[in-house]
Amino acid sequence: MMKQSALLHSELSYIIAQMGHTQTLVIGDCGLPVPKGVKRIDLAVTAGTPSFESVLDAVLSELCVEKVTVASEIQDQNPQVLKAIEQRTEGLPMEFVPHETFKTLTEESVCIVRTGDIRPYSNVILQSGVFF
């Protein structure tokens, strides 16, 4: 049967279904490095497609999130994407870390989803929560 939720990518949906409490999933721009040993789902088609926001919306339609982490540089370098993240994760704790620390944190993630976004620091770490 065909899914009815926003997230139609079967591999990404499967990864989210397997995630446990406190595990992390990263959504990144097309320039974010993927550490050796971390699963990559590459959705980038062309510069800007798909957008960071469209992928974030689809992931949030299925993933229960309890915490959000972004690079502190996003505050000055990309306030538009920061605002989009804040609007979509309102009420959740948000941690700001230096970009180098952010990249180190991605080493522990279950998966990095690469978007076509080319805006600087269009990256987020989503920590899985529980729905109960």
Protein backbone atom coordinates (compact mmCIF):
# COMPACT_ATOMS: atom_id res chain seq x y z
CA MET A 1 0.00 0.00 0.00
CA MET A 2 1.28 3.48 -0.83
CA LYS A 3 2.15 5.71 2.15
CA GLN A 4 0.04 8.79 2.78
CA SER A 5 2.46 10.80 4.92
CA ALA A 6 4.73 13.53 3.55
CA LEU A 7 7.84 11.34 3.60
CA LEU A 8 7.76 9.01 0.59
CA HIS A 9 11.47 8.12 0.43
CA SER A 10 11.42 4.48 1.54
CA GLU A 11 15.02 4.27 2.74
CA LEU A 12 14.76 7.44 4.83
CA SER A 13 11.42 6.37 6.28
CA TYR A 14 12.93 2.99 7.20
CA ILE A 15 15.89 4.63 8.97
CA ILE A 16 13.56 6.87 10.99
CA ALA A 17 11.43 3.86 11.96
CA GLN A 18 14.54 2.11 13.30
CA MET A 19 15.83 5.05 15.35
CA GLY A 20 15.86 4.81 19.12
CA HIS A 21 15.60 7.44 21.81
CA THR A 22 18.48 9.99 21.73
CA GLN A 23 19.90 8.78 18.40
CA THR A 24 20.47 11.55 15.87
CA LEU A 25 19.74 12.21 12.22
CA VAL A 26 21.38 15.07 10.32
CA ILE A 27 19.88 17.08 7.49
CA GLY A 28 22.58 19.00 5.68
CA ASP A 29 23.35 21.24 2.76
CA CYS A 30 25.20 19.77 -0.20
CA GLY A 31 28.57 20.84 1.24
CA LEU A 32 28.36 19.17 4.65
CA PRO A 33 31.00 16.43 4.84
CA VAL A 34 29.78 12.93 5.65
CA PRO A 35 32.11 11.17 8.08
CA LYS A 36 33.44 7.75 7.19
CA GLY A 37 31.10 5.05 8.46
CA VAL A 38 27.98 7.25 8.67
CA LYS A 39 25.15 6.37 6.31
CA ARG A 40 24.45 8.95 3.62
CA ILE A 41 21.17 9.48 1.84
CA ASP A 42 21.90 11.84 -1.01
CA LEU A 43 18.79 13.66 -2.21
CA ALA A 44 20.66 16.49 -3.98
CA VAL A 45 19.53 16.83 -7.61
CA THR A 46 20.60 20.36 -8.53
CA ALA A 47 21.72 23.44 -6.61
CA GLY A 48 18.75 24.25 -4.38
CA THR A 49 16.77 21.09 -5.11
CA PRO A 50 15.50 19.76 -2.85
CA SER A 51 15.59 22.62 -0.40
CA PHE A 52 16.65 22.19 3.19
CA GLU A 53 13.17 23.23 4.38
CA SER A 54 11.32 20.70 2.21
CA VAL A 55 13.46 17.83 3.50
CA LEU A 56 13.15 19.07 7.09
CA ASP A 57 9.35 19.19 6.74
CA ALA A 58 9.23 15.63 5.38
CA VAL A 59 11.50 14.25 8.12
CA LEU A 60 9.58 16.06 10.87
CA SER A 61 6.37 14.48 9.58
CA GLU A 62 7.67 11.11 10.84
CA LEU A 63 10.45 11.70 13.38
CA CYS A 64 9.68 12.49 17.01
CA VAL A 65 12.31 15.07 17.94
CA GLU A 66 13.31 16.12 21.45
CA LYS A 67 16.31 18.36 20.73
CA VAL A 68 17.78 20.35 17.85
CA THR A 69 21.44 21.27 17.30
CA VAL A 70 22.71 23.84 14.82
CA ALA A 71 26.02 25.57 14.15
CA SER A 72 26.28 28.87 15.99
CA GLU A 73 27.45 30.49 12.73
CA ILE A 74 23.93 30.14 11.33
CA GLN A 75 22.83 33.07 13.52
CA ASP A 76 24.90 35.56 11.49
CA GLN A 77 25.45 33.71 8.21
CA ASN A 78 21.97 32.32 7.53
CA PRO A 79 19.23 33.81 9.75
CA GLN A 80 16.56 32.84 7.17
CA VAL A 81 17.20 29.12 7.60
CA LEU A 82 17.57 29.52 11.36
CA LYS A 83 14.12 31.11 11.46
CA ALA A 84 12.72 28.22 9.39
CA ILE A 85 14.21 25.70 11.82
CA GLU A 86 12.90 27.61 14.85
CA GLN A 87 9.39 27.83 13.39
CA ARG A 88 9.28 24.11 12.64
CA THR A 89 10.72 23.02 16.00
CA GLU A 90 9.06 25.58 18.25
CA GLY A 91 9.13 24.55 21.89
CA LEU A 92 12.07 22.18 21.50
CA PRO A 93 15.44 22.85 23.10
CA MET A 94 17.92 24.24 20.57
CA GLU A 95 21.66 23.99 21.11
CA PHE A 96 24.14 26.20 19.27
CA VAL A 97 27.66 24.81 18.82
CA PRO A 98 30.63 25.95 16.71
CA HIS A 99 30.54 24.49 13.18
CA GLU A 100 33.64 22.38 13.84
CA THR A 101 31.91 20.85 16.87
CA PHE A 102 28.77 20.33 14.77
CA LYS A 103 30.78 18.35 12.22
CA THR A 104 32.26 16.22 15.01
CA LEU A 105 28.77 15.51 16.38
CA THR A 106 27.67 14.21 12.97
CA GLU A 107 30.13 11.32 13.40
CA GLU A 108 27.69 9.76 15.88
CA SER A 109 24.55 10.18 13.77
CA VAL A 110 22.56 7.31 12.34
CA CYS A 111 22.37 9.02 8.96
CA ILE A 112 23.14 12.24 7.14
CA VAL A 113 20.58 13.36 4.59
CA ARG A 114 22.15 15.55 1.92
CA THR A 115 19.89 18.18 0.36
CA GLY A 116 20.58 20.32 -2.67
CA ASP A 117 20.69 23.44 -0.52
CA ILE A 118 23.65 25.73 -1.17
CA ARG A 119 23.03 28.32 1.55
CA PRO A 120 25.72 28.34 4.26
CA TYR A 121 25.08 26.40 7.46
CA SER A 122 21.79 24.90 6.24
CA ASN A 123 22.36 21.96 8.59
CA VAL A 124 20.59 20.56 11.61
CA ILE A 125 21.02 17.62 13.97
CA LEU A 126 17.70 16.17 15.13
CA GLN A 127 17.78 14.09 18.31
CA SER A 128 15.12 11.44 18.44
CA GLY A 129 12.62 11.56 21.24
CA VAL A 130 9.77 9.29 22.24
CA PHE A 131 6.10 9.83 21.49
CA PHE A 132 4.90 8.65 24.90
